[in-house]
Amino acid sequence: MATVADVRRIALGLPGAAEKPSHDGLAWQVGKKSFAWERPLRKSDLAALGDEAPEGPNLGVYVSDEGEKQALLDEGMPLFFATPHLDGWPIVLVRLDAIGEDRLREVIVESWLARAPKKLVEEFLANGL
């Protein structure tokens, strides 16, 4: 089970990352682009998900493209899900109370890679993950 403290530690360990308040809690950015953020479910999300709606804390993260999004969604609950609000966006929601720290790190790094400036990504990859 992961926590927001785990997200903070992993996200802020990435080059150029900063923590910012958002309207739903905290967000982590590289440059001016968010790559992870706390994402509580809204009324419309709860209505759309029905009985499948998770109760614990969720994290929003970017993925590289719609194919990657679908691959993660195909893994299904309990780790990854999406709401109709996210249709058309390369974003998935992660259940923090269901994901382990190693997988969380992988997801956050992949999101950072999808959002960070190209030069920063090249430097990061050159130095090894």
C-alpha atoms as a PDB file:
ATOM      1  CA  MET A   1       0.000   0.000   0.000  1.00  0.00           C
ATOM      2  CA  ALA A   2       1.411   3.375  -1.020  1.00  0.00           C
ATOM      3  CA  THR A   3       0.801   6.784   0.501  1.00  0.00           C
ATOM      4  CA  VAL A   4       0.981  10.401  -0.591  1.00  0.00           C
ATOM      5  CA  ALA A   5       4.288  10.569   1.316  1.00  0.00           C
ATOM      6  CA  ASP A   6       5.618   7.821  -0.992  1.00  0.00           C
ATOM      7  CA  VAL A   7       4.411   9.757  -4.037  1.00  0.00           C
ATOM      8  CA  ARG A   8       6.107  12.906  -2.735  1.00  0.00           C
ATOM      9  CA  ARG A   9       9.413  11.141  -2.118  1.00  0.00           C
ATOM     10  CA  ILE A  10       9.440   9.427  -5.529  1.00  0.00           C
ATOM     11  CA  ALA A  11       8.248  12.471  -7.495  1.00  0.00           C
ATOM     12  CA  LEU A  12      10.606  14.958  -5.847  1.00  0.00           C
ATOM     13  CA  GLY A  13      13.494  12.573  -6.465  1.00  0.00           C
ATOM     14  CA  LEU A  14      13.130  13.150 -10.196  1.00  0.00           C
ATOM     15  CA  PRO A  15      15.123  15.917 -11.928  1.00  0.00           C
ATOM     16  CA  GLY A  16      13.365  19.251 -12.131  1.00  0.00           C
ATOM     17  CA  ALA A  17      10.347  18.075 -10.130  1.00  0.00           C
ATOM     18  CA  ALA A  18       8.477  20.449  -7.853  1.00  0.00           C
ATOM     19  CA  GLU A  19       5.451  20.116  -5.614  1.00  0.00           C
ATOM     20  CA  LYS A  20       2.560  22.535  -6.010  1.00  0.00           C
ATOM     21  CA  PRO A  21      -0.839  22.800  -4.356  1.00  0.00           C
ATOM     22  CA  SER A  22      -3.770  22.024  -6.641  1.00  0.00           C
ATOM     23  CA  HIS A  23      -7.492  22.374  -6.166  1.00  0.00           C
ATOM     24  CA  ASP A  24      -7.721  18.680  -5.184  1.00  0.00           C
ATOM     25  CA  GLY A  25      -4.601  18.449  -3.007  1.00  0.00           C
ATOM     26  CA  LEU A  26      -1.016  18.257  -4.188  1.00  0.00           C
ATOM     27  CA  ALA A  27       0.459  18.051  -7.672  1.00  0.00           C
ATOM     28  CA  TRP A  28       3.978  17.314  -8.870  1.00  0.00           C
ATOM     29  CA  GLN A  29       5.284  19.128 -11.908  1.00  0.00           C
ATOM     30  CA  VAL A  30       8.283  19.191 -14.169  1.00  0.00           C
ATOM     31  CA  GLY A  31       8.631  22.548 -15.832  1.00  0.00           C
ATOM     32  CA  LYS A  32       5.074  23.804 -15.870  1.00  0.00           C
ATOM     33  CA  LYS A  33       3.542  20.408 -16.626  1.00  0.00           C
ATOM     34  CA  SER A  34       1.944  18.215 -14.000  1.00  0.00           C
ATOM     35  CA  PHE A  35       2.955  14.575 -14.100  1.00  0.00           C
ATOM     36  CA  ALA A  36       1.220  13.313 -10.941  1.00  0.00           C
ATOM     37  CA  TRP A  37      -1.510  14.716  -8.718  1.00  0.00           C
ATOM     38  CA  GLU A  38      -3.893  13.729  -5.986  1.00  0.00           C
ATOM     39  CA  ARG A  39      -7.227  12.979  -7.617  1.00  0.00           C
ATOM     40  CA  PRO A  40     -10.202  12.397  -5.336  1.00  0.00           C
ATOM     41  CA  LEU A  41     -13.315  11.133  -7.073  1.00  0.00           C
ATOM     42  CA  ARG A  42     -15.986  13.683  -7.868  1.00  0.00           C
ATOM     43  CA  LYS A  43     -19.753  13.171  -7.810  1.00  0.00           C
ATOM     44  CA  SER A  44     -19.807  12.514 -11.547  1.00  0.00           C
ATOM     45  CA  ASP A  45     -16.985   9.968 -11.172  1.00  0.00           C
ATOM     46  CA  LEU A  46     -18.845   8.166  -8.400  1.00  0.00           C
ATOM     47  CA  ALA A  47     -22.009   8.082 -10.486  1.00  0.00           C
ATOM     48  CA  ALA A  48     -20.165   6.731 -13.535  1.00  0.00           C
ATOM     49  CA  LEU A  49     -18.216   4.089 -11.596  1.00  0.00           C
ATOM     50  CA  GLY A  50     -21.112   2.994  -9.414  1.00  0.00           C
ATOM     51  CA  ASP A  51     -20.243   0.074  -7.147  1.00  0.00           C
ATOM     52  CA  GLU A  52     -16.781  -0.135  -8.754  1.00  0.00           C
ATOM     53  CA  ALA A  53     -15.755   3.245  -7.312  1.00  0.00           C
ATOM     54  CA  PRO A  54     -12.735   2.832  -5.027  1.00  0.00           C
ATOM     55  CA  GLU A  55     -12.881   4.431  -1.609  1.00  0.00           C
ATOM     56  CA  GLY A  56      -9.208   5.142  -0.957  1.00  0.00           C
ATOM     57  CA  PRO A  57      -6.886   7.877  -2.217  1.00  0.00           C
ATOM     58  CA  ASN A  58      -6.138   8.086  -5.940  1.00  0.00           C
ATOM     59  CA  LEU A  59      -3.325   9.523  -7.976  1.00  0.00           C
ATOM     60  CA  GLY A  60      -3.648  10.872 -11.504  1.00  0.00           C
ATOM     61  CA  VAL A  61      -0.721  10.215 -13.835  1.00  0.00           C
ATOM     62  CA  TYR A  62       0.022  10.738 -17.498  1.00  0.00           C
ATOM     63  CA  VAL A  63       0.970   7.844 -19.731  1.00  0.00           C
ATOM     64  CA  SER A  64       2.808   7.988 -23.026  1.00  0.00           C
ATOM     65  CA  ASP A  65      -0.267   7.513 -25.235  1.00  0.00           C
ATOM     66  CA  GLU A  66      -3.730   5.981 -25.513  1.00  0.00           C
ATOM     67  CA  GLY A  67      -2.222   2.533 -26.190  1.00  0.00           C
ATOM     68  CA  GLU A  68      -0.350   2.605 -22.893  1.00  0.00           C
ATOM     69  CA  LYS A  69      -3.481   3.859 -21.158  1.00  0.00           C
ATOM     70  CA  GLN A  70      -5.484   0.947 -22.521  1.00  0.00           C
ATOM     71  CA  ALA A  71      -2.788  -1.556 -21.528  1.00  0.00           C
ATOM     72  CA  LEU A  72      -2.903  -0.318 -17.930  1.00  0.00           C
ATOM     73  CA  LEU A  73      -6.691  -0.262 -17.904  1.00  0.00           C
ATOM     74  CA  ASP A  74      -6.708  -3.815 -19.221  1.00  0.00           C
ATOM     75  CA  GLU A  75      -4.891  -4.781 -16.011  1.00  0.00           C
ATOM     76  CA  GLY A  76      -8.072  -3.566 -14.361  1.00  0.00           C
ATOM     77  CA  MET A  77      -8.848  -2.905 -10.766  1.00  0.00           C
ATOM     78  CA  PRO A  78      -7.491  -2.798  -8.205  1.00  0.00           C
ATOM     79  CA  LEU A  79      -4.535  -0.772  -9.511  1.00  0.00           C
ATOM     80  CA  PHE A  80      -5.646   1.327 -12.480  1.00  0.00           C
ATOM     81  CA  PHE A  81      -8.896   2.836 -13.645  1.00  0.00           C
ATOM     82  CA  ALA A  82     -10.315   5.830 -15.485  1.00  0.00           C
ATOM     83  CA  THR A  83     -13.494   7.837 -15.475  1.00  0.00           C
ATOM     84  CA  PRO A  84     -15.445   9.226 -18.441  1.00  0.00           C
ATOM     85  CA  HIS A  85     -13.984  12.643 -17.570  1.00  0.00           C
ATOM     86  CA  LEU A  86     -10.589  11.306 -18.712  1.00  0.00           C
ATOM     87  CA  ASP A  87     -11.770   9.979 -22.087  1.00  0.00           C
ATOM     88  CA  GLY A  88      -9.456  11.205 -24.816  1.00  0.00           C
ATOM     89  CA  TRP A  89      -6.648  12.048 -22.386  1.00  0.00           C
ATOM     90  CA  PRO A  90      -3.562   9.862 -21.845  1.00  0.00           C
ATOM     91  CA  ILE A  91      -4.254   9.745 -18.112  1.00  0.00           C
ATOM     92  CA  VAL A  92      -5.038   6.925 -15.705  1.00  0.00           C
ATOM     93  CA  LEU A  93      -5.956   6.942 -12.058  1.00  0.00           C
ATOM     94  CA  VAL A  94      -3.946   4.848  -9.633  1.00  0.00           C
ATOM     95  CA  ARG A  95      -5.332   3.468  -6.400  1.00  0.00           C
ATOM     96  CA  LEU A  96      -2.698   4.273  -3.796  1.00  0.00           C
ATOM     97  CA  ASP A  97      -4.152   1.800  -1.304  1.00  0.00           C
ATOM     98  CA  ALA A  98      -3.690  -1.050  -3.797  1.00  0.00           C
ATOM     99  CA  ILE A  99      -0.318  -0.363  -5.435  1.00  0.00           C
ATOM    100  CA  GLY A 100       3.096  -1.351  -4.125  1.00  0.00           C
ATOM    101  CA  GLU A 101       5.980   1.070  -3.910  1.00  0.00           C
ATOM    102  CA  ASP A 102       8.004  -0.473  -6.760  1.00  0.00           C
ATOM    103  CA  ARG A 103       5.097  -0.322  -9.194  1.00  0.00           C
ATOM    104  CA  LEU A 104       4.230   3.183  -7.996  1.00  0.00           C
ATOM    105  CA  ARG A 105       7.790   4.298  -8.737  1.00  0.00           C
ATOM    106  CA  GLU A 106       7.539   2.810 -12.229  1.00  0.00           C
ATOM    107  CA  VAL A 107       4.251   4.612 -12.923  1.00  0.00           C
ATOM    108  CA  ILE A 108       5.486   7.970 -11.622  1.00  0.00           C
ATOM    109  CA  VAL A 109       8.760   7.771 -13.561  1.00  0.00           C
ATOM    110  CA  GLU A 110       6.881   6.875 -16.750  1.00  0.00           C
ATOM    111  CA  SER A 111       4.570   9.838 -16.208  1.00  0.00           C
ATOM    112  CA  TRP A 112       7.551  12.123 -15.611  1.00  0.00           C
ATOM    113  CA  LEU A 113       9.159  10.819 -18.828  1.00  0.00           C
ATOM    114  CA  ALA A 114       5.969  11.612 -20.748  1.00  0.00           C
ATOM    115  CA  ARG A 115       5.881  15.210 -19.472  1.00  0.00           C
ATOM    116  CA  ALA A 116       9.468  16.339 -18.898  1.00  0.00           C
ATOM    117  CA  PRO A 117      11.365  18.453 -21.432  1.00  0.00           C
ATOM    118  CA  LYS A 118      13.187  16.360 -24.025  1.00  0.00           C
ATOM    119  CA  LYS A 119      16.657  17.465 -22.923  1.00  0.00           C
ATOM    120  CA  LEU A 120      15.959  16.580 -19.287  1.00  0.00           C
ATOM    121  CA  VAL A 121      14.628  13.163 -20.346  1.00  0.00           C
ATOM    122  CA  GLU A 122      17.729  12.512 -22.457  1.00  0.00           C
ATOM    123  CA  GLU A 123      20.025  13.426 -19.537  1.00  0.00           C
ATOM    124  CA  PHE A 124      18.012  11.263 -17.140  1.00  0.00           C
ATOM    125  CA  LEU A 125      18.067   8.242 -19.452  1.00  0.00           C
ATOM    126  CA  ALA A 126      21.772   8.714 -20.196  1.00  0.00           C
ATOM    127  CA  ASN A 127      22.499   8.475 -16.472  1.00  0.00           C
ATOM    128  CA  GLY A 128      20.373   5.333 -16.135  1.00  0.00           C
ATOM    129  CA  LEU A 129      17.078   4.905 -14.355  1.00  0.00           C
END
